[in-house]
């Protein structure tokens, strides 16, 4: 089942009633001239079990602890945004699987050679997906990227990922002169940042559901990063966000603004179609297959992570 992504960009009251998320508007609630019967008609309810991601993008959103408890109990990821409407926080459940302790131990006991092999698979999948996006949206020759993908060694000791990234970003947005990928860079970096934050939340949520620690990566190991494993596993999925950004630029042009119309499109990332193991699947479902296969690699049941192929 595909979980829904709910975005709140206006003042709202969020509460819980009969395992339903109740959404009220403060302007309506404070209107003393409106009858209570009409106020109740303006309420919107959503089943908690249908929600996968919630984005809170306004400083006047009020929610009860009962709502947070119910969302987390149903493995929902809650994203909070800053004054610039950029995602700044991520809330996840502490326990996402019945055998979590056992799974943690499998992950902690993973050998260095295994983690290097898993990182090799990850980077190969990422570069191949980047090459497909680059060819279809920029018409750029990508034979070199296919060669680089095949040349990635265990642990990517030659840092082929960086070489491919330099070529990729140099050619992906030809309409933006001298484009450089960076969090604080020129547009469309802001679109990429927003999309990656949504993707990161989806991956982190799925890791928790699979009983894995999002903090303990197979490659990323920044001591200040609470989501190293999520940052590892999302790498082959990033090109799907890049592709969506390319589509948005072709429709709306390159702008420093991030209107709600663009946010709405970026919030569709969990439902993007991807191909994984020969079948079409929504991205959120595919991520679940990826994280499940990752645990099986830690457990010794599998030797390869299931990643999407574009």
Protein backbone atom coordinates (compact mmCIF):
# COMPACT_ATOMS: atom_id res chain seq x y z
CA UNK A 1 0.00 0.00 0.00
CA UNK A 2 1.29 3.47 -0.91
CA UNK A 3 1.27 5.76 2.10
CA UNK A 4 0.13 9.36 1.64
CA UNK A 5 2.27 12.47 2.04
CA UNK A 6 0.48 15.32 3.80
CA UNK A 7 1.76 18.89 3.47
CA UNK A 8 0.67 21.71 5.78
CA UNK A 9 1.68 25.18 4.55
CA UNK A 10 -0.95 27.23 6.38
CA UNK A 11 -2.03 27.64 10.01
CA UNK A 12 -3.74 24.49 11.22
CA UNK A 13 -4.89 22.61 14.32
CA UNK A 14 -4.04 18.90 14.21
CA UNK A 15 -5.62 16.56 16.73
CA UNK A 16 -6.61 12.91 17.11
CA UNK A 17 -10.07 11.40 17.25
CA UNK A 18 -10.87 7.67 16.89
CA UNK A 19 -7.46 7.01 15.29
CA UNK A 20 -8.20 9.71 12.72
CA UNK A 21 -6.12 12.81 12.11
CA UNK A 22 -8.46 15.78 12.54
CA UNK A 23 -7.49 18.94 10.67
CA UNK A 24 -9.05 22.27 11.65
CA UNK A 25 -8.38 25.83 10.46
CA UNK A 26 -7.75 28.39 13.26
CA UNK A 27 -9.48 31.15 11.28
CA UNK A 28 -12.66 29.09 11.29
CA UNK A 29 -12.30 28.05 14.92
CA UNK A 30 -11.95 31.67 16.08
CA UNK A 31 -14.93 32.92 14.08
CA UNK A 32 -17.56 33.50 16.75
CA UNK A 33 -20.23 34.25 14.17
CA UNK A 34 -20.02 30.79 12.57
CA UNK A 35 -22.33 28.13 14.03
CA UNK A 36 -20.67 25.06 15.53
CA UNK A 37 -22.43 22.83 12.98
CA UNK A 38 -20.70 24.67 10.13
CA UNK A 39 -17.37 24.57 11.95
CA UNK A 40 -17.60 20.80 12.21
CA UNK A 41 -18.30 20.61 8.48
CA UNK A 42 -15.01 22.37 7.76
CA UNK A 43 -13.07 19.67 9.60
CA UNK A 44 -11.04 17.25 7.51
CA UNK A 45 -10.15 13.79 8.78
CA UNK A 46 -7.50 11.36 7.51
CA UNK A 47 -6.92 7.76 8.67
CA UNK A 48 -3.61 7.66 10.52
CA UNK A 49 -2.67 4.29 9.02
CA UNK A 50 -2.79 5.78 5.50
CA UNK A 51 -0.13 8.43 6.23
CA UNK A 52 3.56 7.88 5.50
CA UNK A 53 5.07 11.39 5.57
CA UNK A 54 3.85 14.65 7.13
CA UNK A 55 5.46 17.98 6.22
CA UNK A 56 4.92 20.87 8.66
CA UNK A 57 5.73 24.12 6.83
CA UNK A 58 4.21 26.93 8.90
CA UNK A 59 5.03 28.46 12.28
CA UNK A 60 1.36 28.53 13.34
CA UNK A 61 0.67 24.81 13.14
CA UNK A 62 -0.52 23.37 16.45
CA UNK A 63 -0.64 19.62 17.05
CA UNK A 64 -1.30 17.42 20.05
CA UNK A 65 1.07 14.83 21.49
CA UNK A 66 -1.66 12.29 20.74
CA UNK A 67 -1.22 13.03 17.03
CA UNK A 68 2.56 12.61 17.24
CA UNK A 69 2.18 9.37 19.18
CA UNK A 70 -0.26 7.95 16.64
CA UNK A 71 1.83 9.02 13.64
CA UNK A 72 5.02 7.50 15.06
CA UNK A 73 3.20 4.34 16.15
CA UNK A 74 2.24 3.91 12.50
CA UNK A 75 5.83 4.45 11.29
CA UNK A 76 5.20 7.91 9.85
CA UNK A 77 8.04 10.35 9.17
CA UNK A 78 7.36 13.91 10.36
CA UNK A 79 9.32 16.70 8.64
CA UNK A 80 9.53 20.23 10.04
CA UNK A 81 10.57 23.24 7.93
CA UNK A 82 12.38 26.49 8.72
CA UNK A 83 11.41 30.10 7.91
CA UNK A 84 12.62 29.61 4.34
CA UNK A 85 10.25 26.61 4.00
CA UNK A 86 13.19 24.23 3.71
CA UNK A 87 13.09 20.92 5.64
CA UNK A 88 15.15 21.26 8.81
CA UNK A 89 14.03 18.42 11.09
CA UNK A 90 12.97 14.78 10.85
CA UNK A 91 11.10 12.79 13.49
CA UNK A 92 11.03 8.98 13.29
CA UNK A 93 9.76 6.19 15.57
CA UNK A 94 12.28 4.62 17.95
CA UNK A 95 11.01 1.12 17.32
CA UNK A 96 9.98 -0.04 13.88
CA UNK A 97 10.34 -3.84 13.92
CA UNK A 98 9.46 -6.65 16.34
CA UNK A 99 12.98 -8.18 16.19
CA UNK A 100 14.75 -4.83 16.22
CA UNK A 101 17.46 -5.81 18.74
CA UNK A 102 18.44 -8.85 16.69
CA UNK A 103 18.53 -6.79 13.51
CA UNK A 104 20.61 -4.08 15.14
CA UNK A 105 23.17 -6.72 16.11
CA UNK A 106 23.34 -8.07 12.56
CA UNK A 107 23.94 -4.55 11.29
CA UNK A 108 26.55 -3.78 13.94
CA UNK A 109 28.38 -7.05 13.24
CA UNK A 110 28.59 -6.47 9.48
CA UNK A 111 32.18 -6.94 8.31
CA UNK A 112 34.16 -4.22 6.60
CA UNK A 113 34.53 -6.24 3.36
CA UNK A 114 30.74 -6.68 3.23
CA UNK A 115 30.12 -2.96 3.73
CA UNK A 116 32.66 -2.14 1.01
CA UNK A 117 30.93 -4.52 -1.40
CA UNK A 118 27.55 -2.99 -0.59
CA UNK A 119 28.95 0.49 -1.21
CA UNK A 120 30.37 -0.68 -4.55
CA UNK A 121 26.89 -1.88 -5.57
CA UNK A 122 25.37 1.39 -4.38
CA UNK A 123 27.70 3.62 -6.40
CA UNK A 124 27.39 1.49 -9.53
CA UNK A 125 23.61 1.76 -9.34
CA UNK A 126 23.81 5.51 -8.72
CA UNK A 127 26.13 6.23 -11.66
CA UNK A 128 24.08 4.08 -14.04
CA UNK A 129 20.89 5.89 -13.02
CA UNK A 130 22.62 9.26 -13.39
CA UNK A 131 23.74 8.26 -16.87
CA UNK A 132 20.17 7.39 -17.88
CA UNK A 133 18.85 10.74 -16.63
CA UNK A 134 21.65 12.65 -18.32
CA UNK A 135 21.05 10.96 -21.66
CA UNK A 136 17.26 11.30 -21.66
CA UNK A 137 17.05 14.90 -20.42
CA UNK A 138 20.22 16.52 -21.74
CA UNK A 139 21.04 14.29 -24.70
CA UNK A 140 24.63 14.00 -23.49
CA UNK A 141 26.90 11.10 -24.44
CA UNK A 142 27.11 8.85 -21.37
CA UNK A 143 29.30 5.98 -22.55
CA UNK A 144 32.04 7.23 -20.22
CA UNK A 145 29.67 7.03 -17.25
CA UNK A 146 28.74 3.44 -18.09
CA UNK A 147 32.44 2.61 -18.17
CA UNK A 148 33.00 4.39 -14.86
CA UNK A 149 30.11 2.48 -13.27
CA UNK A 150 31.67 -0.84 -14.27
CA UNK A 151 35.07 0.28 -12.99
CA UNK A 152 33.89 0.96 -9.42
CA UNK A 153 35.90 -1.24 -7.07
CA UNK A 154 35.00 -2.53 -3.62
CA UNK A 155 34.54 0.49 -1.35
CA UNK A 156 34.98 2.81 -4.38
CA UNK A 157 38.60 3.29 -3.37
CA UNK A 158 39.27 5.32 -6.53
CA UNK A 159 36.37 7.68 -5.75
CA UNK A 160 34.75 7.12 -9.13
CA UNK A 161 31.57 8.58 -7.65
CA UNK A 162 33.17 12.05 -7.55
CA UNK A 163 34.46 11.80 -11.13
CA UNK A 164 31.01 10.80 -12.40
CA UNK A 165 29.35 13.54 -10.34
CA UNK A 166 31.58 16.24 -11.84
CA UNK A 167 30.62 15.17 -15.36
CA UNK A 168 26.98 14.71 -14.44
CA UNK A 169 26.39 18.11 -12.85
CA UNK A 170 28.39 19.91 -15.52
CA UNK A 171 25.98 18.63 -18.18
CA UNK A 172 22.60 18.12 -16.50
CA UNK A 173 21.44 21.76 -16.50
CA UNK A 174 22.86 23.34 -19.66
CA UNK A 175 20.50 26.32 -19.26
CA UNK A 176 22.27 27.29 -16.01
CA UNK A 177 25.73 28.57 -16.87
CA UNK A 178 28.47 27.12 -14.67
CA UNK A 179 26.06 25.17 -12.49
CA UNK A 180 27.68 23.65 -9.40
CA UNK A 181 25.82 21.30 -7.08
CA UNK A 182 25.81 22.68 -3.53
CA UNK A 183 23.35 23.17 -0.69
CA UNK A 184 23.72 26.95 -0.84
CA UNK A 185 24.28 27.17 -4.59
CA UNK A 186 22.27 28.92 -7.29
CA UNK A 187 18.91 27.56 -8.48
CA UNK A 188 17.85 24.86 -9.08
CA UNK A 189 19.87 23.75 -6.03
CA UNK A 190 16.94 24.76 -3.81
CA UNK A 191 14.66 22.34 -5.69
CA UNK A 192 17.22 19.55 -5.35
CA UNK A 193 17.62 20.29 -1.63
CA UNK A 194 13.88 20.09 -1.03
CA UNK A 195 13.48 16.93 -3.07
CA UNK A 196 16.42 15.19 -1.41
CA UNK A 197 15.00 16.04 2.03
CA UNK A 198 11.73 14.31 1.12
CA UNK A 199 13.64 11.34 -0.29
CA UNK A 200 15.81 11.13 2.83
CA UNK A 201 12.74 11.00 5.04
CA UNK A 202 11.23 8.20 2.94
CA UNK A 203 14.47 6.17 3.11
CA UNK A 204 15.00 6.77 6.84
CA UNK A 205 11.41 5.73 7.57
CA UNK A 206 11.85 2.52 5.58
CA UNK A 207 15.12 1.69 7.35
CA UNK A 208 13.38 1.98 10.72
CA UNK A 209 10.53 -0.25 9.50
CA UNK A 210 13.16 -2.80 8.37
CA UNK A 211 14.61 -2.78 11.88
CA UNK A 212 17.85 -1.00 10.96
CA UNK A 213 19.71 1.92 12.51
CA UNK A 214 19.57 4.93 10.15
CA UNK A 215 22.60 6.39 11.95
CA UNK A 216 25.11 3.62 11.26
CA UNK A 217 26.13 3.85 7.60
CA UNK A 218 27.96 1.48 5.31
CA UNK A 219 30.04 4.38 3.97
CA UNK A 220 28.97 7.74 5.39
CA UNK A 221 30.29 8.13 8.92
CA UNK A 222 30.13 11.83 9.82
CA UNK A 223 29.99 11.99 13.61
CA UNK A 224 27.37 14.75 13.44
CA UNK A 225 25.06 12.97 10.98
CA UNK A 226 22.16 11.06 12.51
CA UNK A 227 21.15 9.53 9.17
CA UNK A 228 24.34 8.14 7.66
CA UNK A 229 22.72 4.91 6.46
CA UNK A 230 19.79 6.81 4.94
CA UNK A 231 22.29 8.99 3.06
CA UNK A 232 24.02 5.84 1.81
CA UNK A 233 20.92 4.02 0.62
CA UNK A 234 19.27 7.02 -1.01
CA UNK A 235 22.18 7.54 -3.44
CA UNK A 236 20.76 5.44 -6.35
CA UNK A 237 17.39 7.13 -5.83
CA UNK A 238 18.73 10.69 -6.12
CA UNK A 239 18.62 10.63 -9.95
CA UNK A 240 14.83 10.24 -9.77
CA UNK A 241 14.68 13.54 -7.89
CA UNK A 242 17.08 15.08 -10.43
CA UNK A 243 14.82 13.91 -13.24
CA UNK A 244 11.78 15.49 -11.62
CA UNK A 245 13.68 18.77 -11.18
CA UNK A 246 14.60 18.67 -14.88
CA UNK A 247 10.91 18.32 -15.72
CA UNK A 248 9.99 21.23 -13.43
CA UNK A 249 12.62 23.46 -15.05
CA UNK A 250 11.32 22.63 -18.52
CA UNK A 251 7.80 23.59 -17.40
CA UNK A 252 8.44 26.59 -15.12
CA UNK A 253 11.96 27.73 -15.96
CA UNK A 254 14.78 28.37 -13.49
CA UNK A 255 13.70 30.55 -10.58
CA UNK A 256 14.85 31.20 -7.04
CA UNK A 257 11.26 30.96 -5.84
CA UNK A 258 9.74 27.83 -4.33
CA UNK A 259 5.97 28.30 -4.70
CA UNK A 260 3.45 25.79 -3.43
CA UNK A 261 2.88 24.49 -6.95
CA UNK A 262 6.51 23.34 -7.12
CA UNK A 263 6.42 21.97 -3.59
CA UNK A 264 3.35 19.94 -4.48
CA UNK A 265 5.21 18.37 -7.39
CA UNK A 266 8.26 17.62 -5.22
CA UNK A 267 6.01 16.05 -2.59
CA UNK A 268 5.00 13.50 -5.23
CA UNK A 269 8.46 11.90 -4.96
CA UNK A 270 7.22 8.93 -2.87
CA UNK A 271 4.80 8.00 -5.67
CA UNK A 272 7.22 8.32 -8.60
CA UNK A 273 7.37 5.22 -10.80
CA UNK A 274 10.63 3.26 -10.65
CA UNK A 275 11.71 -0.11 -12.00
CA UNK A 276 13.13 -2.51 -9.45
CA UNK A 277 13.85 -6.19 -10.02
CA UNK A 278 12.14 -5.98 -13.40
CA UNK A 279 8.86 -4.55 -12.12
CA UNK A 280 7.32 -1.09 -12.03
CA UNK A 281 6.78 0.16 -8.49
CA UNK A 282 6.08 3.42 -6.60
CA UNK A 283 9.32 4.80 -5.18
CA UNK A 284 8.19 4.43 -1.57
CA UNK A 285 7.42 0.74 -2.11
CA UNK A 286 10.72 0.22 -3.94
CA UNK A 287 12.63 1.79 -1.05
CA UNK A 288 11.00 -0.78 1.23
CA UNK A 289 12.33 -3.56 -1.02
CA UNK A 290 15.77 -1.97 -0.93
CA UNK A 291 15.96 -1.69 2.86
CA UNK A 292 14.54 -5.19 3.30
CA UNK A 293 17.22 -6.59 0.98
CA UNK A 294 19.87 -4.61 2.87
CA UNK A 295 18.98 -6.40 6.10
CA UNK A 296 19.12 -9.73 4.29
CA UNK A 297 22.64 -8.83 3.18
CA UNK A 298 23.60 -8.15 6.79
CA UNK A 299 21.97 -11.45 7.75
CA UNK A 300 23.86 -13.38 5.06
CA UNK A 301 20.72 -14.37 3.17
CA UNK A 302 21.54 -12.17 0.16
CA UNK A 303 24.70 -10.75 -1.40
CA UNK A 304 23.18 -7.90 -3.37
CA UNK A 305 20.99 -4.93 -2.47
CA UNK A 306 17.86 -4.50 -4.58
CA UNK A 307 18.20 -1.08 -6.20
CA UNK A 308 16.04 0.54 -8.90
CA UNK A 309 17.22 0.76 -12.49
CA UNK A 310 16.22 3.67 -14.60
